[in-house]
Amino acid sequence: MSTRSPAKPRSPRTARPKTANEPAPGQQEAGGRSDAPGAGNPDADLERRICEAVYESVMSQRLTPGTKLPEAAICDLFGVSRSVARKALQRLAHEHVVDLHHNRGAVVAEPTPEDTRQIFQARRALEAALVPLAAARATKADFVSLRKQLRDEHALLHRAGQPAWARQASAFHVRLGELSGNTILHGYLAELVSRCSLIVALYEPPGNAACEHGEHVLIVDLMERGDVAEAVQINDNHLADLERRISLERPQPAQTLAQMLGLA
């Protein structure tokens, strides 16, 4: 593995805040949005298809950290040109889903223990500031909307796969950031939630929920009745528990790249 310093969130000038209804973290442009740059362009559509396949495979824990994604193999599997494959991998690198190395090419991201510690530390500090702001600004209608979002989250927990559930669980935290009314902090939080979601997908033992749904419900209950300090503490414990469940070791499965991408 090449030595690198932990990547930092994009500055607020480029990190656009995401709403709870937007595509998954890590899929801002890769998730097939009709308003993504190049929408309707055949090459752009192929790039998005590759990005979606890689992202979904990471979130489903089929692609594991350090898995090589050779440009030639991507071309063969998706029937695309090298320029399309290269642009897709560059987009995935921008979203921290893959790492690009001069001597190894593209590999599925391998966040280090220090990356993980710093990303979670930053997220916990940021959410501790955002929860009180959200509680102070949230209206009755906002709480109704939050509870509707939590009902959807609960339904996905029981009927959907890991990627859909992880998206919805992450969206709850991004929504709290949005309710704060601070677009700068919200932008940073969206970036950090995306990074955390990928780390969890890469390293959390299979079968674990990305977030505890009951804790989300409790956080909203506490915010609505004005117990803001308790809501902040529950949220911080919630994130600390999530970080503790991460295991930074996982064996490489004996599968082909096509199988890991769900193409065979």
C-alpha atoms as a PDB file:
ATOM      1  CA  MET A   1       0.000   0.000   0.000  1.00  0.00           C
ATOM      2  CA  SER A   2       1.331   3.419  -0.843  1.00  0.00           C
ATOM      3  CA  THR A   3       1.881   5.890   1.979  1.00  0.00           C
ATOM      4  CA  ARG A   4      -0.577   8.734   1.944  1.00  0.00           C
ATOM      5  CA  SER A   5      -1.999  11.246   4.351  1.00  0.00           C
ATOM      6  CA  PRO A   6      -5.718  11.097   5.156  1.00  0.00           C
ATOM      7  CA  ALA A   7      -7.794  12.853   2.504  1.00  0.00           C
ATOM      8  CA  LYS A   8      -9.620  15.935   3.720  1.00  0.00           C
ATOM      9  CA  PRO A   9     -13.234  16.871   3.001  1.00  0.00           C
ATOM     10  CA  ARG A  10     -13.676  19.181   0.044  1.00  0.00           C
ATOM     11  CA  SER A  11     -13.806  22.848   0.881  1.00  0.00           C
ATOM     12  CA  PRO A  12     -17.290  24.396   1.244  1.00  0.00           C
ATOM     13  CA  ARG A  13     -16.785  26.130  -2.085  1.00  0.00           C
ATOM     14  CA  THR A  14     -17.018  22.786  -3.861  1.00  0.00           C
ATOM     15  CA  ALA A  15     -18.821  20.511  -1.378  1.00  0.00           C
ATOM     16  CA  ARG A  16     -22.469  21.092  -2.254  1.00  0.00           C
ATOM     17  CA  PRO A  17     -24.906  20.235   0.547  1.00  0.00           C
ATOM     18  CA  LYS A  18     -27.108  17.242  -0.268  1.00  0.00           C
ATOM     19  CA  THR A  19     -30.721  16.836   0.753  1.00  0.00           C
ATOM     20  CA  ALA A  20     -32.110  13.654   2.256  1.00  0.00           C
ATOM     21  CA  ASN A  21     -33.777  12.716  -1.031  1.00  0.00           C
ATOM     22  CA  GLU A  22     -30.633  12.855  -3.164  1.00  0.00           C
ATOM     23  CA  PRO A  23     -28.749   9.750  -4.294  1.00  0.00           C
ATOM     24  CA  ALA A  24     -26.502   7.833  -1.963  1.00  0.00           C
ATOM     25  CA  PRO A  25     -23.330   9.196  -0.568  1.00  0.00           C
ATOM     26  CA  GLY A  26     -20.635   8.169  -3.026  1.00  0.00           C
ATOM     27  CA  GLN A  27     -23.189   8.327  -5.854  1.00  0.00           C
ATOM     28  CA  GLN A  28     -23.590  12.078  -6.168  1.00  0.00           C
ATOM     29  CA  GLU A  29     -22.808  11.826  -9.872  1.00  0.00           C
ATOM     30  CA  ALA A  30     -22.414   8.092 -10.220  1.00  0.00           C
ATOM     31  CA  GLY A  31     -25.965   7.248  -9.277  1.00  0.00           C
ATOM     32  CA  GLY A  32     -27.624   7.992 -12.593  1.00  0.00           C
ATOM     33  CA  ARG A  33     -29.009  11.436 -11.778  1.00  0.00           C
ATOM     34  CA  SER A  34     -30.673  12.981 -14.796  1.00  0.00           C
ATOM     35  CA  ASP A  35     -29.076  16.339 -13.968  1.00  0.00           C
ATOM     36  CA  ALA A  36     -25.542  14.957 -13.759  1.00  0.00           C
ATOM     37  CA  PRO A  37     -23.020  16.504 -16.146  1.00  0.00           C
ATOM     38  CA  GLY A  38     -23.213  14.813 -19.538  1.00  0.00           C
ATOM     39  CA  ALA A  39     -26.684  13.346 -18.924  1.00  0.00           C
ATOM     40  CA  GLY A  40     -27.967  11.852 -22.185  1.00  0.00           C
ATOM     41  CA  ASN A  41     -24.434  11.429 -23.546  1.00  0.00           C
ATOM     42  CA  PRO A  42     -23.753   7.736 -24.335  1.00  0.00           C
ATOM     43  CA  ASP A  43     -20.238   7.815 -22.855  1.00  0.00           C
ATOM     44  CA  ALA A  44     -21.492   9.556 -19.718  1.00  0.00           C
ATOM     45  CA  ASP A  45     -24.226   6.936 -19.358  1.00  0.00           C
ATOM     46  CA  LEU A  46     -21.606   4.182 -19.606  1.00  0.00           C
ATOM     47  CA  GLU A  47     -19.442   5.925 -17.003  1.00  0.00           C
ATOM     48  CA  ARG A  48     -22.400   6.086 -14.626  1.00  0.00           C
ATOM     49  CA  ARG A  49     -23.163   2.415 -15.205  1.00  0.00           C
ATOM     50  CA  ILE A  50     -19.601   1.479 -14.187  1.00  0.00           C
ATOM     51  CA  CYS A  51     -19.710   3.776 -11.156  1.00  0.00           C
ATOM     52  CA  GLU A  52     -23.038   2.359 -10.026  1.00  0.00           C
ATOM     53  CA  ALA A  53     -21.817  -1.226 -10.352  1.00  0.00           C
ATOM     54  CA  VAL A  54     -18.630  -0.573  -8.391  1.00  0.00           C
ATOM     55  CA  TYR A  55     -20.389   1.476  -5.700  1.00  0.00           C
ATOM     56  CA  GLU A  56     -23.191  -1.066  -5.225  1.00  0.00           C
ATOM     57  CA  SER A  57     -20.657  -3.894  -5.048  1.00  0.00           C
ATOM     58  CA  VAL A  58     -18.664  -2.058  -2.377  1.00  0.00           C
ATOM     59  CA  MET A  59     -21.787  -1.278  -0.351  1.00  0.00           C
ATOM     60  CA  SER A  60     -22.928  -4.911  -0.696  1.00  0.00           C
ATOM     61  CA  GLN A  61     -19.498  -6.040   0.587  1.00  0.00           C
ATOM     62  CA  ARG A  62     -18.719  -8.014  -2.558  1.00  0.00           C
ATOM     63  CA  LEU A  63     -15.775  -5.789  -3.491  1.00  0.00           C
ATOM     64  CA  THR A  64     -13.321  -5.688  -0.607  1.00  0.00           C
ATOM     65  CA  PRO A  65     -10.564  -3.186   0.257  1.00  0.00           C
ATOM     66  CA  GLY A  66      -7.576  -3.339  -2.060  1.00  0.00           C
ATOM     67  CA  THR A  67      -9.345  -5.292  -4.829  1.00  0.00           C
ATOM     68  CA  LYS A  68      -7.667  -4.386  -8.106  1.00  0.00           C
ATOM     69  CA  LEU A  69      -9.848  -2.788 -10.782  1.00  0.00           C
ATOM     70  CA  PRO A  70      -7.702  -3.062 -13.923  1.00  0.00           C
ATOM     71  CA  GLU A  71      -8.673  -0.656 -16.645  1.00  0.00           C
ATOM     72  CA  ALA A  72      -8.517  -3.436 -19.246  1.00  0.00           C
ATOM     73  CA  ALA A  73     -10.823  -5.659 -17.191  1.00  0.00           C
ATOM     74  CA  ILE A  74     -13.343  -2.831 -16.779  1.00  0.00           C
ATOM     75  CA  CYS A  75     -13.284  -2.315 -20.553  1.00  0.00           C
ATOM     76  CA  ASP A  76     -13.937  -6.024 -21.202  1.00  0.00           C
ATOM     77  CA  LEU A  77     -16.639  -6.445 -18.565  1.00  0.00           C
ATOM     78  CA  PHE A  78     -18.634  -3.359 -19.552  1.00  0.00           C
ATOM     79  CA  GLY A  79     -17.778  -3.239 -23.248  1.00  0.00           C
ATOM     80  CA  VAL A  80     -16.382   0.284 -23.070  1.00  0.00           C
ATOM     81  CA  SER A  81     -13.345   2.148 -24.328  1.00  0.00           C
ATOM     82  CA  ARG A  82     -10.319   2.864 -22.164  1.00  0.00           C
ATOM     83  CA  SER A  83     -11.223   6.557 -21.996  1.00  0.00           C
ATOM     84  CA  VAL A  84     -14.674   5.729 -20.583  1.00  0.00           C
ATOM     85  CA  ALA A  85     -13.200   3.277 -18.048  1.00  0.00           C
ATOM     86  CA  ARG A  86     -10.553   5.801 -17.027  1.00  0.00           C
ATOM     87  CA  LYS A  87     -13.108   8.591 -16.482  1.00  0.00           C
ATOM     88  CA  ALA A  88     -15.328   6.274 -14.415  1.00  0.00           C
ATOM     89  CA  LEU A  89     -12.395   5.291 -12.202  1.00  0.00           C
ATOM     90  CA  GLN A  90     -11.385   8.927 -11.799  1.00  0.00           C
ATOM     91  CA  ARG A  91     -14.926   9.792 -10.728  1.00  0.00           C
ATOM     92  CA  LEU A  92     -14.927   6.940  -8.216  1.00  0.00           C
ATOM     93  CA  ALA A  93     -11.570   8.171  -6.899  1.00  0.00           C
ATOM     94  CA  HIS A  94     -13.040  11.666  -6.465  1.00  0.00           C
ATOM     95  CA  GLU A  95     -15.768  10.094  -4.313  1.00  0.00           C
ATOM     96  CA  HIS A  96     -13.143   8.104  -2.330  1.00  0.00           C
ATOM     97  CA  VAL A  97     -14.588   4.763  -3.488  1.00  0.00           C
ATOM     98  CA  VAL A  98     -11.325   3.770  -5.164  1.00  0.00           C
ATOM     99  CA  ASP A  99      -7.688   4.781  -4.813  1.00  0.00           C
ATOM    100  CA  LEU A 100      -5.552   5.465  -7.883  1.00  0.00           C
ATOM    101  CA  HIS A 101      -1.896   4.433  -7.568  1.00  0.00           C
ATOM    102  CA  HIS A 102       0.794   5.133 -10.135  1.00  0.00           C
ATOM    103  CA  ASN A 103       2.225   1.635  -9.907  1.00  0.00           C
ATOM    104  CA  ARG A 104      -0.920  -0.371  -9.116  1.00  0.00           C
ATOM    105  CA  GLY A 105      -3.661   1.358 -11.054  1.00  0.00           C
ATOM    106  CA  ALA A 106      -7.126   1.515  -9.482  1.00  0.00           C
ATOM    107  CA  VAL A 107      -7.969  -0.457  -6.350  1.00  0.00           C
ATOM    108  CA  VAL A 108     -10.961  -0.399  -4.039  1.00  0.00           C
ATOM    109  CA  ALA A 109     -10.249   2.152  -1.311  1.00  0.00           C
ATOM    110  CA  GLU A 110      -8.269   0.990   1.712  1.00  0.00           C
ATOM    111  CA  PRO A 111      -8.905   3.499   4.508  1.00  0.00           C
ATOM    112  CA  THR A 112      -6.255   3.131   7.194  1.00  0.00           C
ATOM    113  CA  PRO A 113      -6.942   3.056  10.942  1.00  0.00           C
ATOM    114  CA  GLU A 114      -5.753   6.668  11.102  1.00  0.00           C
ATOM    115  CA  ASP A 115      -8.060   7.670   8.214  1.00  0.00           C
ATOM    116  CA  THR A 116     -10.945   6.034  10.038  1.00  0.00           C
ATOM    117  CA  ARG A 117     -10.119   7.669  13.381  1.00  0.00           C
ATOM    118  CA  GLN A 118      -9.846  11.155  11.872  1.00  0.00           C
ATOM    119  CA  ILE A 119     -12.974  10.873   9.728  1.00  0.00           C
ATOM    120  CA  PHE A 120     -15.136   9.672  12.614  1.00  0.00           C
ATOM    121  CA  GLN A 121     -13.602  12.212  14.987  1.00  0.00           C
ATOM    122  CA  ALA A 122     -14.437  15.035  12.564  1.00  0.00           C
ATOM    123  CA  ARG A 123     -17.955  13.743  12.021  1.00  0.00           C
ATOM    124  CA  ARG A 124     -18.686  13.403  15.751  1.00  0.00           C
ATOM    125  CA  ALA A 125     -17.473  16.956  16.414  1.00  0.00           C
ATOM    126  CA  LEU A 126     -19.519  18.335  13.541  1.00  0.00           C
ATOM    127  CA  GLU A 127     -22.745  16.543  14.440  1.00  0.00           C
ATOM    128  CA  ALA A 128     -22.367  17.688  18.067  1.00  0.00           C
ATOM    129  CA  ALA A 129     -22.571  21.247  16.726  1.00  0.00           C
ATOM    130  CA  LEU A 130     -25.307  20.586  14.180  1.00  0.00           C
ATOM    131  CA  VAL A 131     -27.849  18.725  16.343  1.00  0.00           C
ATOM    132  CA  PRO A 132     -28.521  21.767  18.605  1.00  0.00           C
ATOM    133  CA  LEU A 133     -28.834  24.020  15.557  1.00  0.00           C
ATOM    134  CA  ALA A 134     -31.276  21.605  13.935  1.00  0.00           C
ATOM    135  CA  ALA A 135     -33.315  21.261  17.148  1.00  0.00           C
ATOM    136  CA  ALA A 136     -33.568  25.039  17.475  1.00  0.00           C
ATOM    137  CA  ARG A 137     -34.730  25.566  13.876  1.00  0.00           C
ATOM    138  CA  ALA A 138     -36.884  22.503  13.241  1.00  0.00           C
ATOM    139  CA  THR A 139     -40.604  23.154  12.872  1.00  0.00           C
ATOM    140  CA  LYS A 140     -43.491  20.834  13.638  1.00  0.00           C
ATOM    141  CA  ALA A 141     -43.613  19.989   9.929  1.00  0.00           C
ATOM    142  CA  ASP A 142     -39.904  19.158   9.979  1.00  0.00           C
ATOM    143  CA  PHE A 143     -40.416  16.652  12.774  1.00  0.00           C
ATOM    144  CA  VAL A 144     -43.321  15.098  10.876  1.00  0.00           C
ATOM    145  CA  SER A 145     -41.017  14.768   7.857  1.00  0.00           C
ATOM    146  CA  LEU A 146     -38.234  13.260   9.980  1.00  0.00           C
ATOM    147  CA  ARG A 147     -40.588  10.643  11.381  1.00  0.00           C
ATOM    148  CA  LYS A 148     -41.792   9.771   7.885  1.00  0.00           C
ATOM    149  CA  GLN A 149     -38.145   9.334   6.874  1.00  0.00           C
ATOM    150  CA  LEU A 150     -37.576   7.044   9.871  1.00  0.00           C
ATOM    151  CA  ARG A 151     -40.599   4.912   8.924  1.00  0.00           C
ATOM    152  CA  ASP A 152     -39.110   4.496   5.464  1.00  0.00           C
ATOM    153  CA  GLU A 153     -35.780   3.616   7.063  1.00  0.00           C
ATOM    154  CA  HIS A 154     -37.414   0.944   9.230  1.00  0.00           C
ATOM    155  CA  ALA A 155     -39.187  -0.557   6.222  1.00  0.00           C
ATOM    156  CA  LEU A 156     -35.929  -0.786   4.261  1.00  0.00           C
ATOM    157  CA  LEU A 157     -34.193  -2.428   7.211  1.00  0.00           C
ATOM    158  CA  HIS A 158     -36.528  -5.414   6.869  1.00  0.00           C
ATOM    159  CA  ARG A 159     -37.037  -5.697   3.134  1.00  0.00           C
ATOM    160  CA  ALA A 160     -34.097  -4.173   1.250  1.00  0.00           C
ATOM    161  CA  GLY A 161     -30.440  -4.997   0.765  1.00  0.00           C
ATOM    162  CA  GLN A 162     -27.493  -3.378   2.523  1.00  0.00           C
ATOM    163  CA  PRO A 163     -26.910  -0.568  -0.037  1.00  0.00           C
ATOM    164  CA  ALA A 164     -30.503   0.741   0.149  1.00  0.00           C
ATOM    165  CA  TRP A 165     -30.575   0.504   3.942  1.00  0.00           C
ATOM    166  CA  ALA A 166     -27.195   2.204   4.317  1.00  0.00           C
ATOM    167  CA  ARG A 167     -28.313   5.058   2.049  1.00  0.00           C
ATOM    168  CA  GLN A 168     -31.451   5.678   4.090  1.00  0.00           C
ATOM    169  CA  ALA A 169     -29.639   5.450   7.422  1.00  0.00           C
ATOM    170  CA  SER A 170     -27.009   7.928   6.216  1.00  0.00           C
ATOM    171  CA  ALA A 171     -29.702  10.228   4.844  1.00  0.00           C
ATOM    172  CA  PHE A 172     -31.079  10.713   8.367  1.00  0.00           C
ATOM    173  CA  HIS A 173     -27.828  12.321   9.530  1.00  0.00           C
ATOM    174  CA  VAL A 174     -27.535  14.433   6.377  1.00  0.00           C
ATOM    175  CA  ARG A 175     -31.117  15.632   6.946  1.00  0.00           C
ATOM    176  CA  LEU A 176     -30.227  16.774  10.466  1.00  0.00           C
ATOM    177  CA  GLY A 177     -27.387  18.763   8.954  1.00  0.00           C
ATOM    178  CA  GLU A 178     -29.759  20.325   6.453  1.00  0.00           C
ATOM    179  CA  LEU A 179     -32.164  21.342   9.219  1.00  0.00           C
ATOM    180  CA  SER A 180     -29.351  23.249  10.939  1.00  0.00           C
ATOM    181  CA  GLY A 181     -29.651  25.953   8.297  1.00  0.00           C
ATOM    182  CA  ASN A 182     -25.861  26.229   8.009  1.00  0.00           C
ATOM    183  CA  THR A 183     -25.038  25.298   4.427  1.00  0.00           C
ATOM    184  CA  ILE A 184     -21.272  25.314   5.044  1.00  0.00           C
ATOM    185  CA  LEU A 185     -21.425  22.836   7.920  1.00  0.00           C
ATOM    186  CA  HIS A 186     -24.042  20.806   6.065  1.00  0.00           C
ATOM    187  CA  GLY A 187     -21.702  20.492   3.094  1.00  0.00           C
ATOM    188  CA  TYR A 188     -18.887  19.233   5.275  1.00  0.00           C
ATOM    189  CA  LEU A 189     -21.217  16.778   7.002  1.00  0.00           C
ATOM    190  CA  ALA A 190     -22.472  15.353   3.698  1.00  0.00           C
ATOM    191  CA  GLU A 191     -18.863  14.681   2.720  1.00  0.00           C
ATOM    192  CA  LEU A 192     -18.019  13.038   6.055  1.00  0.00           C
ATOM    193  CA  VAL A 193     -21.179  10.894   6.071  1.00  0.00           C
ATOM    194  CA  SER A 194     -20.239   9.672   2.601  1.00  0.00           C
ATOM    195  CA  ARG A 195     -16.728   8.758   3.784  1.00  0.00           C
ATOM    196  CA  CYS A 196     -18.063   6.983   6.884  1.00  0.00           C
ATOM    197  CA  SER A 197     -20.633   5.036   4.855  1.00  0.00           C
ATOM    198  CA  LEU A 198     -17.903   3.677   2.619  1.00  0.00           C
ATOM    199  CA  ILE A 199     -15.665   2.751   5.553  1.00  0.00           C
ATOM    200  CA  VAL A 200     -18.556   0.907   7.198  1.00  0.00           C
ATOM    201  CA  ALA A 201     -19.386  -0.924   3.971  1.00  0.00           C
ATOM    202  CA  LEU A 202     -15.745  -1.891   3.463  1.00  0.00           C
ATOM    203  CA  TYR A 203     -14.916  -3.018   6.976  1.00  0.00           C
ATOM    204  CA  GLU A 204     -17.969  -3.691   9.138  1.00  0.00           C
ATOM    205  CA  PRO A 205     -18.680  -7.416   9.627  1.00  0.00           C
ATOM    206  CA  PRO A 206     -21.439  -8.628   7.257  1.00  0.00           C
ATOM    207  CA  GLY A 207     -24.963  -8.637   8.647  1.00  0.00           C
ATOM    208  CA  ASN A 208     -24.570  -5.628  10.950  1.00  0.00           C
ATOM    209  CA  ALA A 209     -26.867  -2.653  10.483  1.00  0.00           C
ATOM    210  CA  ALA A 210     -25.042   0.514   9.443  1.00  0.00           C
ATOM    211  CA  CYS A 211     -26.951   2.447  12.112  1.00  0.00           C
ATOM    212  CA  GLU A 212     -29.287   1.484  14.933  1.00  0.00           C
ATOM    213  CA  HIS A 213     -32.768   2.547  13.830  1.00  0.00           C
ATOM    214  CA  GLY A 214     -34.050   2.806  17.418  1.00  0.00           C
ATOM    215  CA  GLU A 215     -31.359   5.349  18.243  1.00  0.00           C
ATOM    216  CA  HIS A 216     -32.445   7.517  15.326  1.00  0.00           C
ATOM    217  CA  VAL A 217     -35.987   7.497  16.710  1.00  0.00           C
ATOM    218  CA  LEU A 218     -34.737   8.394  20.195  1.00  0.00           C
ATOM    219  CA  ILE A 219     -32.642  11.284  18.850  1.00  0.00           C
ATOM    220  CA  VAL A 220     -35.712  12.777  17.134  1.00  0.00           C
ATOM    221  CA  ASP A 221     -37.841  12.282  20.267  1.00  0.00           C
ATOM    222  CA  LEU A 222     -35.277  14.080  22.415  1.00  0.00           C
ATOM    223  CA  MET A 223     -34.865  16.930  19.943  1.00  0.00           C
ATOM    224  CA  GLU A 224     -38.604  17.469  19.662  1.00  0.00           C
ATOM    225  CA  ARG A 225     -39.146  17.686  23.409  1.00  0.00           C
ATOM    226  CA  GLY A 226     -36.170  19.992  23.903  1.00  0.00           C
ATOM    227  CA  ASP A 227     -33.724  17.582  25.554  1.00  0.00           C
ATOM    228  CA  VAL A 228     -30.977  18.786  23.240  1.00  0.00           C
ATOM    229  CA  ALA A 229     -27.968  17.894  25.403  1.00  0.00           C
ATOM    230  CA  GLU A 230     -29.253  14.330  25.732  1.00  0.00           C
ATOM    231  CA  ALA A 231     -29.899  14.145  21.980  1.00  0.00           C
ATOM    232  CA  VAL A 232     -26.293  15.238  21.327  1.00  0.00           C
ATOM    233  CA  GLN A 233     -24.975  12.604  23.749  1.00  0.00           C
ATOM    234  CA  ILE A 234     -27.094   9.790  22.272  1.00  0.00           C
ATOM    235  CA  ASN A 235     -25.999  10.769  18.772  1.00  0.00           C
ATOM    236  CA  ASP A 236     -22.339  10.839  19.816  1.00  0.00           C
ATOM    237  CA  ASN A 237     -22.629   7.414  21.468  1.00  0.00           C
ATOM    238  CA  HIS A 238     -24.383   6.186  18.337  1.00  0.00           C
ATOM    239  CA  LEU A 239     -21.471   7.230  16.127  1.00  0.00           C
ATOM    240  CA  ALA A 240     -18.878   5.916  18.583  1.00  0.00           C
ATOM    241  CA  ASP A 241     -20.595   2.510  18.592  1.00  0.00           C
ATOM    242  CA  LEU A 242     -20.604   2.512  14.799  1.00  0.00           C
ATOM    243  CA  GLU A 243     -16.856   3.165  14.738  1.00  0.00           C
ATOM    244  CA  ARG A 244     -16.172   0.455  17.338  1.00  0.00           C
ATOM    245  CA  ARG A 245     -17.936  -2.186  15.231  1.00  0.00           C
ATOM    246  CA  ILE A 246     -15.544  -1.663  12.342  1.00  0.00           C
ATOM    247  CA  SER A 247     -12.945  -4.383  11.816  1.00  0.00           C
ATOM    248  CA  LEU A 248     -10.072  -3.281   9.600  1.00  0.00           C
ATOM    249  CA  GLU A 249      -9.226  -6.825   8.556  1.00  0.00           C
ATOM    250  CA  ARG A 250     -11.149  -8.877   6.051  1.00  0.00           C
ATOM    251  CA  PRO A 251     -10.014 -11.825   3.895  1.00  0.00           C
ATOM    252  CA  GLN A 252     -10.208 -11.460   0.136  1.00  0.00           C
ATOM    253  CA  PRO A 253     -13.034 -13.651  -1.220  1.00  0.00           C
ATOM    254  CA  ALA A 254     -12.139 -16.249  -3.851  1.00  0.00           C
ATOM    255  CA  GLN A 255     -14.217 -14.676  -6.612  1.00  0.00           C
ATOM    256  CA  THR A 256     -13.541 -13.187 -10.007  1.00  0.00           C
ATOM    257  CA  LEU A 257     -13.922  -9.453 -10.567  1.00  0.00           C
ATOM    258  CA  ALA A 258     -17.015 -10.136 -12.700  1.00  0.00           C
ATOM    259  CA  GLN A 259     -18.608 -12.061  -9.825  1.00  0.00           C
ATOM    260  CA  MET A 260     -17.791  -9.330  -7.318  1.00  0.00           C
ATOM    261  CA  LEU A 261     -19.357  -6.742  -9.632  1.00  0.00           C
ATOM    262  CA  GLY A 262     -22.486  -8.859  -9.989  1.00  0.00           C
ATOM    263  CA  LEU A 263     -21.857  -9.413 -13.704  1.00  0.00           C
ATOM    264  CA  ALA A 264     -21.413 -13.203 -13.590  1.00  0.00           C
END
